[in-house]
């Protein structure tokens, strides 16, 4: 127990200031107001008729491609809702990337 406390104390005493993420001037938030050279895109399964029928029913063992785009990029948000009466439906699903 004492050894753990000494290690933690040593870490805090000998860690240079400004190394905490979010406290350094080079953190991610400092670039929010600067112009960027990328194009932001969004993919959605919304119902193009204006209704609420953007669901895709899947049978057991069936697959569905949610997004397929060529080239580099970053996926920053994924939202999937699941309507299933199966008790362990989340354990039976696979999301491949």
N, C-alpha and C. Protein backbone atom coordinates (compact mmCIF):
# COMPACT_ATOMS: atom_id res chain seq x y z
N UNK A 1 0.83 -1.19 0.00
CA UNK A 1 0.00 0.00 0.00
C UNK A 1 0.87 1.25 0.00
N UNK A 2 1.88 1.27 0.89
CA UNK A 2 2.77 2.43 0.95
C UNK A 2 3.55 2.60 -0.35
N UNK A 3 3.90 1.49 -0.96
CA UNK A 3 4.67 1.55 -2.21
C UNK A 3 3.83 2.19 -3.32
N UNK A 4 2.54 1.85 -3.38
CA UNK A 4 1.66 2.45 -4.37
C UNK A 4 1.54 3.95 -4.16
N UNK A 5 1.42 4.37 -2.90
CA UNK A 5 1.32 5.79 -2.61
C UNK A 5 2.61 6.52 -3.00
N UNK A 6 3.75 5.90 -2.76
CA UNK A 6 5.02 6.52 -3.14
C UNK A 6 5.14 6.66 -4.66
N UNK A 7 4.68 5.65 -5.38
CA UNK A 7 4.74 5.70 -6.84
C UNK A 7 3.84 6.82 -7.35
N UNK A 8 2.62 6.92 -6.83
CA UNK A 8 1.71 7.98 -7.23
C UNK A 8 2.27 9.36 -6.89
N UNK A 9 2.83 9.51 -5.70
CA UNK A 9 3.41 10.78 -5.28
C UNK A 9 4.57 11.15 -6.20
N UNK A 10 5.40 10.18 -6.52
CA UNK A 10 6.51 10.43 -7.44
C UNK A 10 6.04 10.82 -8.82
N UNK A 11 4.97 10.21 -9.26
CA UNK A 11 4.42 10.55 -10.57
C UNK A 11 3.96 12.00 -10.61
N UNK A 12 3.24 12.42 -9.57
CA UNK A 12 2.72 13.78 -9.54
C UNK A 12 3.83 14.81 -9.32
N UNK A 13 4.84 14.46 -8.56
CA UNK A 13 5.92 15.41 -8.30
C UNK A 13 6.85 15.60 -9.50
N UNK A 14 7.09 14.54 -10.26
CA UNK A 14 8.07 14.60 -11.34
C UNK A 14 7.46 14.69 -12.73
N UNK A 15 6.14 14.80 -12.81
CA UNK A 15 5.50 14.99 -14.11
C UNK A 15 5.53 16.48 -14.43
N UNK A 16 6.07 16.84 -15.59
CA UNK A 16 6.14 18.26 -15.94
C UNK A 16 4.76 18.88 -16.05
N UNK A 17 4.60 20.13 -15.63
CA UNK A 17 3.29 20.78 -15.75
C UNK A 17 2.92 20.95 -17.22
N UNK A 18 1.64 20.95 -17.50
CA UNK A 18 1.17 21.12 -18.87
C UNK A 18 1.06 19.82 -19.65
N UNK A 19 1.35 18.69 -19.02
CA UNK A 19 1.24 17.43 -19.75
C UNK A 19 -0.14 16.83 -19.66
N UNK A 20 -0.99 17.39 -18.80
CA UNK A 20 -2.35 16.88 -18.70
C UNK A 20 -3.11 17.25 -19.97
N UNK A 21 -3.78 16.27 -20.56
CA UNK A 21 -4.52 16.50 -21.80
C UNK A 21 -5.60 17.54 -21.54
N UNK A 22 -5.74 18.48 -22.43
CA UNK A 22 -6.75 19.51 -22.29
C UNK A 22 -6.22 20.76 -21.63
N UNK A 23 -5.07 20.70 -21.00
CA UNK A 23 -4.50 21.86 -20.34
C UNK A 23 -3.39 22.49 -21.17
N UNK A 24 -2.85 21.75 -22.10
CA UNK A 24 -1.75 22.26 -22.92
C UNK A 24 -2.31 23.14 -24.03
N UNK A 25 -1.54 24.14 -24.48
CA UNK A 25 -2.01 25.00 -25.57
C UNK A 25 -2.26 24.26 -26.87
N UNK A 26 -1.70 23.08 -27.03
CA UNK A 26 -1.88 22.34 -28.28
C UNK A 26 -3.04 21.35 -28.19
N UNK A 27 -3.96 21.54 -27.26
CA UNK A 27 -5.06 20.58 -27.13
C UNK A 27 -6.01 20.68 -28.33
N UNK A 28 -6.93 19.78 -28.43
CA UNK A 28 -7.83 19.69 -29.57
C UNK A 28 -8.78 20.88 -29.69
N UNK A 29 -9.15 21.50 -28.58
CA UNK A 29 -10.10 22.60 -28.63
C UNK A 29 -9.51 23.86 -29.22
N UNK A 30 -8.20 24.04 -29.14
CA UNK A 30 -7.60 25.27 -29.65
C UNK A 30 -7.73 25.40 -31.16
N UNK A 31 -7.96 24.31 -31.88
CA UNK A 31 -8.09 24.36 -33.32
C UNK A 31 -9.51 24.51 -33.83
N UNK A 32 -10.49 24.65 -32.93
CA UNK A 32 -11.88 24.70 -33.36
C UNK A 32 -12.19 25.92 -34.23
N UNK A 33 -11.56 27.03 -33.96
CA UNK A 33 -11.88 28.25 -34.70
C UNK A 33 -11.03 28.43 -35.95
N UNK A 34 -10.09 27.57 -36.18
CA UNK A 34 -9.23 27.66 -37.36
C UNK A 34 -9.87 26.96 -38.55
N UNK A 35 -9.64 27.47 -39.77
CA UNK A 35 -10.18 26.79 -40.96
C UNK A 35 -9.51 25.43 -41.16
N UNK A 36 -10.26 24.49 -41.69
CA UNK A 36 -9.75 23.14 -41.93
C UNK A 36 -9.83 22.82 -43.41
N UNK A 37 -9.03 21.86 -43.85
CA UNK A 37 -9.00 21.50 -45.26
C UNK A 37 -9.66 20.14 -45.51
N UNK A 38 -10.79 19.91 -44.92
CA UNK A 38 -11.51 18.66 -45.14
C UNK A 38 -12.99 18.98 -45.40
N UNK A 39 -13.69 18.01 -45.92
CA UNK A 39 -15.12 18.15 -46.17
C UNK A 39 -15.87 17.25 -45.21
N UNK A 40 -16.75 17.82 -44.43
CA UNK A 40 -17.55 17.06 -43.48
C UNK A 40 -18.74 16.46 -44.22
N UNK A 41 -18.93 15.16 -44.08
CA UNK A 41 -20.04 14.47 -44.74
C UNK A 41 -20.85 13.72 -43.70
N UNK A 42 -22.09 13.44 -44.04
CA UNK A 42 -22.97 12.72 -43.12
C UNK A 42 -23.75 11.68 -43.92
N UNK A 43 -23.89 10.51 -43.32
CA UNK A 43 -24.66 9.44 -43.92
C UNK A 43 -25.79 9.10 -42.94
N UNK A 44 -26.99 9.01 -43.44
CA UNK A 44 -28.12 8.72 -42.58
C UNK A 44 -29.12 7.84 -43.32
N UNK A 45 -29.88 7.10 -42.55
CA UNK A 45 -30.90 6.23 -43.13
C UNK A 45 -32.28 6.85 -43.00
N UNK A 46 -32.36 8.17 -42.86
CA UNK A 46 -33.65 8.80 -42.62
C UNK A 46 -34.64 8.49 -43.74
N UNK A 47 -35.91 8.53 -43.39
CA UNK A 47 -36.98 8.24 -44.34
C UNK A 47 -37.14 9.44 -45.27
N UNK A 48 -36.83 9.27 -46.55
CA UNK A 48 -36.85 10.37 -47.51
C UNK A 48 -38.27 10.88 -47.79
N UNK A 49 -39.29 10.14 -47.38
CA UNK A 49 -40.67 10.60 -47.59
C UNK A 49 -41.14 11.52 -46.47
N UNK A 50 -40.33 11.68 -45.44
CA UNK A 50 -40.72 12.52 -44.32
C UNK A 50 -41.39 11.75 -43.21
N UNK A 51 -41.56 10.45 -43.38
CA UNK A 51 -42.18 9.62 -42.35
C UNK A 51 -41.16 9.13 -41.33
N UNK A 52 -41.49 8.03 -40.71
CA UNK A 52 -40.62 7.46 -39.69
C UNK A 52 -40.33 6.00 -40.01
N UNK A 53 -40.12 5.69 -41.28
CA UNK A 53 -39.87 4.32 -41.68
C UNK A 53 -38.47 4.17 -42.23
N UNK A 54 -37.49 4.39 -41.39
CA UNK A 54 -36.10 4.25 -41.82
C UNK A 54 -35.47 2.98 -41.25
N UNK A 55 -36.29 2.02 -40.89
CA UNK A 55 -35.78 0.77 -40.33
C UNK A 55 -35.39 -0.21 -41.43
N UNK A 56 -34.55 -1.15 -41.06
CA UNK A 56 -34.12 -2.21 -41.98
C UNK A 56 -34.27 -3.53 -41.24
N UNK A 57 -35.32 -4.30 -41.51
CA UNK A 57 -35.47 -5.59 -40.82
C UNK A 57 -34.41 -6.58 -41.30
N UNK A 58 -33.84 -7.32 -40.36
CA UNK A 58 -32.82 -8.32 -40.67
C UNK A 58 -33.21 -9.66 -40.11
N UNK A 59 -33.09 -10.68 -40.93
CA UNK A 59 -33.31 -12.05 -40.46
C UNK A 59 -32.04 -12.55 -39.78
N UNK A 60 -32.15 -13.60 -39.00
CA UNK A 60 -30.99 -14.18 -38.32
C UNK A 60 -29.92 -14.56 -39.33
N UNK A 61 -28.70 -14.15 -39.10
CA UNK A 61 -27.59 -14.46 -39.99
C UNK A 61 -27.43 -13.51 -41.17
N UNK A 62 -28.39 -12.62 -41.37
CA UNK A 62 -28.32 -11.67 -42.47
C UNK A 62 -27.40 -10.50 -42.10
N UNK A 63 -26.79 -9.88 -43.10
CA UNK A 63 -25.90 -8.74 -42.85
C UNK A 63 -26.45 -7.50 -43.54
N UNK A 64 -26.03 -6.35 -43.04
CA UNK A 64 -26.43 -5.07 -43.60
C UNK A 64 -25.22 -4.14 -43.58
N UNK A 65 -24.90 -3.55 -44.72
CA UNK A 65 -23.81 -2.58 -44.78
C UNK A 65 -24.38 -1.22 -44.45
N UNK A 66 -23.91 -0.63 -43.35
CA UNK A 66 -24.39 0.67 -42.93
C UNK A 66 -23.68 1.80 -43.65
N UNK A 67 -22.39 1.61 -43.94
CA UNK A 67 -21.58 2.67 -44.54
C UNK A 67 -20.45 2.04 -45.32
N UNK A 68 -20.26 2.49 -46.55
CA UNK A 68 -19.17 1.97 -47.37
C UNK A 68 -18.66 3.13 -48.21
N UNK A 69 -17.52 3.66 -47.84
CA UNK A 69 -16.96 4.83 -48.51
C UNK A 69 -15.49 4.59 -48.78
N UNK A 70 -15.02 5.00 -49.94
CA UNK A 70 -13.61 4.84 -50.29
C UNK A 70 -12.79 5.99 -49.73
N UNK A 71 -11.56 5.72 -49.42
CA UNK A 71 -10.63 6.76 -48.97
C UNK A 71 -10.59 6.89 -47.46
N UNK A 72 -9.65 7.70 -46.98
CA UNK A 72 -9.49 7.88 -45.54
C UNK A 72 -10.61 8.73 -44.96
N UNK A 73 -10.82 8.58 -43.69
CA UNK A 73 -11.84 9.38 -43.02
C UNK A 73 -11.92 9.04 -41.55
N UNK A 74 -12.82 9.68 -40.88
CA UNK A 74 -13.03 9.47 -39.44
C UNK A 74 -14.51 9.33 -39.18
N UNK A 75 -14.89 8.27 -38.50
CA UNK A 75 -16.28 8.11 -38.07
C UNK A 75 -16.35 8.67 -36.66
N UNK A 76 -17.11 9.73 -36.49
CA UNK A 76 -17.15 10.39 -35.18
C UNK A 76 -18.42 10.06 -34.41
N UNK A 77 -19.41 9.45 -35.06
CA UNK A 77 -20.66 9.17 -34.35
C UNK A 77 -21.40 8.04 -35.05
N UNK A 78 -21.89 7.10 -34.30
CA UNK A 78 -22.71 6.02 -34.82
C UNK A 78 -23.94 5.90 -33.93
N UNK A 79 -25.13 5.89 -34.52
CA UNK A 79 -26.36 5.75 -33.75
C UNK A 79 -27.16 4.62 -34.36
N UNK A 80 -27.42 3.61 -33.58
CA UNK A 80 -28.20 2.46 -34.04
C UNK A 80 -29.23 2.14 -32.97
N UNK A 81 -30.47 2.04 -33.35
CA UNK A 81 -31.50 1.59 -32.41
C UNK A 81 -31.93 0.19 -32.82
N UNK A 82 -32.26 -0.61 -31.82
CA UNK A 82 -32.58 -2.02 -32.06
C UNK A 82 -33.91 -2.34 -31.40
N UNK A 83 -34.84 -2.87 -32.18
CA UNK A 83 -36.11 -3.32 -31.65
C UNK A 83 -36.11 -4.85 -31.69
N UNK A 84 -35.91 -5.47 -30.55
CA UNK A 84 -35.85 -6.92 -30.50
C UNK A 84 -36.40 -7.41 -29.17
N UNK A 85 -37.16 -8.49 -29.23
CA UNK A 85 -37.65 -9.12 -28.01
C UNK A 85 -36.67 -10.15 -27.47
N UNK A 86 -35.62 -10.43 -28.22
CA UNK A 86 -34.59 -11.38 -27.80
C UNK A 86 -33.87 -10.83 -26.57
N UNK A 87 -33.76 -11.62 -25.52
CA UNK A 87 -33.17 -11.17 -24.27
C UNK A 87 -31.70 -10.79 -24.43
N UNK A 88 -30.93 -11.54 -25.20
CA UNK A 88 -29.50 -11.30 -25.35
C UNK A 88 -29.16 -10.80 -26.76
N UNK A 89 -30.01 -9.96 -27.33
CA UNK A 89 -29.79 -9.53 -28.71
C UNK A 89 -28.47 -8.76 -28.88
N UNK A 90 -28.05 -8.00 -27.90
CA UNK A 90 -26.79 -7.25 -28.03
C UNK A 90 -25.58 -8.18 -28.04
N UNK A 91 -25.66 -9.30 -27.37
CA UNK A 91 -24.56 -10.25 -27.37
C UNK A 91 -24.49 -11.06 -28.66
N UNK A 92 -25.57 -11.05 -29.42
CA UNK A 92 -25.62 -11.82 -30.66
C UNK A 92 -25.34 -10.98 -31.90
N UNK A 93 -25.07 -9.69 -31.72
CA UNK A 93 -24.81 -8.80 -32.85
C UNK A 93 -23.30 -8.59 -33.01
N UNK A 94 -22.89 -8.33 -34.25
CA UNK A 94 -21.49 -8.07 -34.55
C UNK A 94 -21.42 -6.79 -35.39
N UNK A 95 -20.57 -5.86 -34.97
CA UNK A 95 -20.31 -4.64 -35.74
C UNK A 95 -18.87 -4.73 -36.24
N UNK A 96 -18.72 -4.85 -37.55
CA UNK A 96 -17.38 -4.98 -38.14
C UNK A 96 -16.97 -3.67 -38.77
N UNK A 97 -15.71 -3.31 -38.55
CA UNK A 97 -15.16 -2.08 -39.15
C UNK A 97 -13.82 -2.39 -39.75
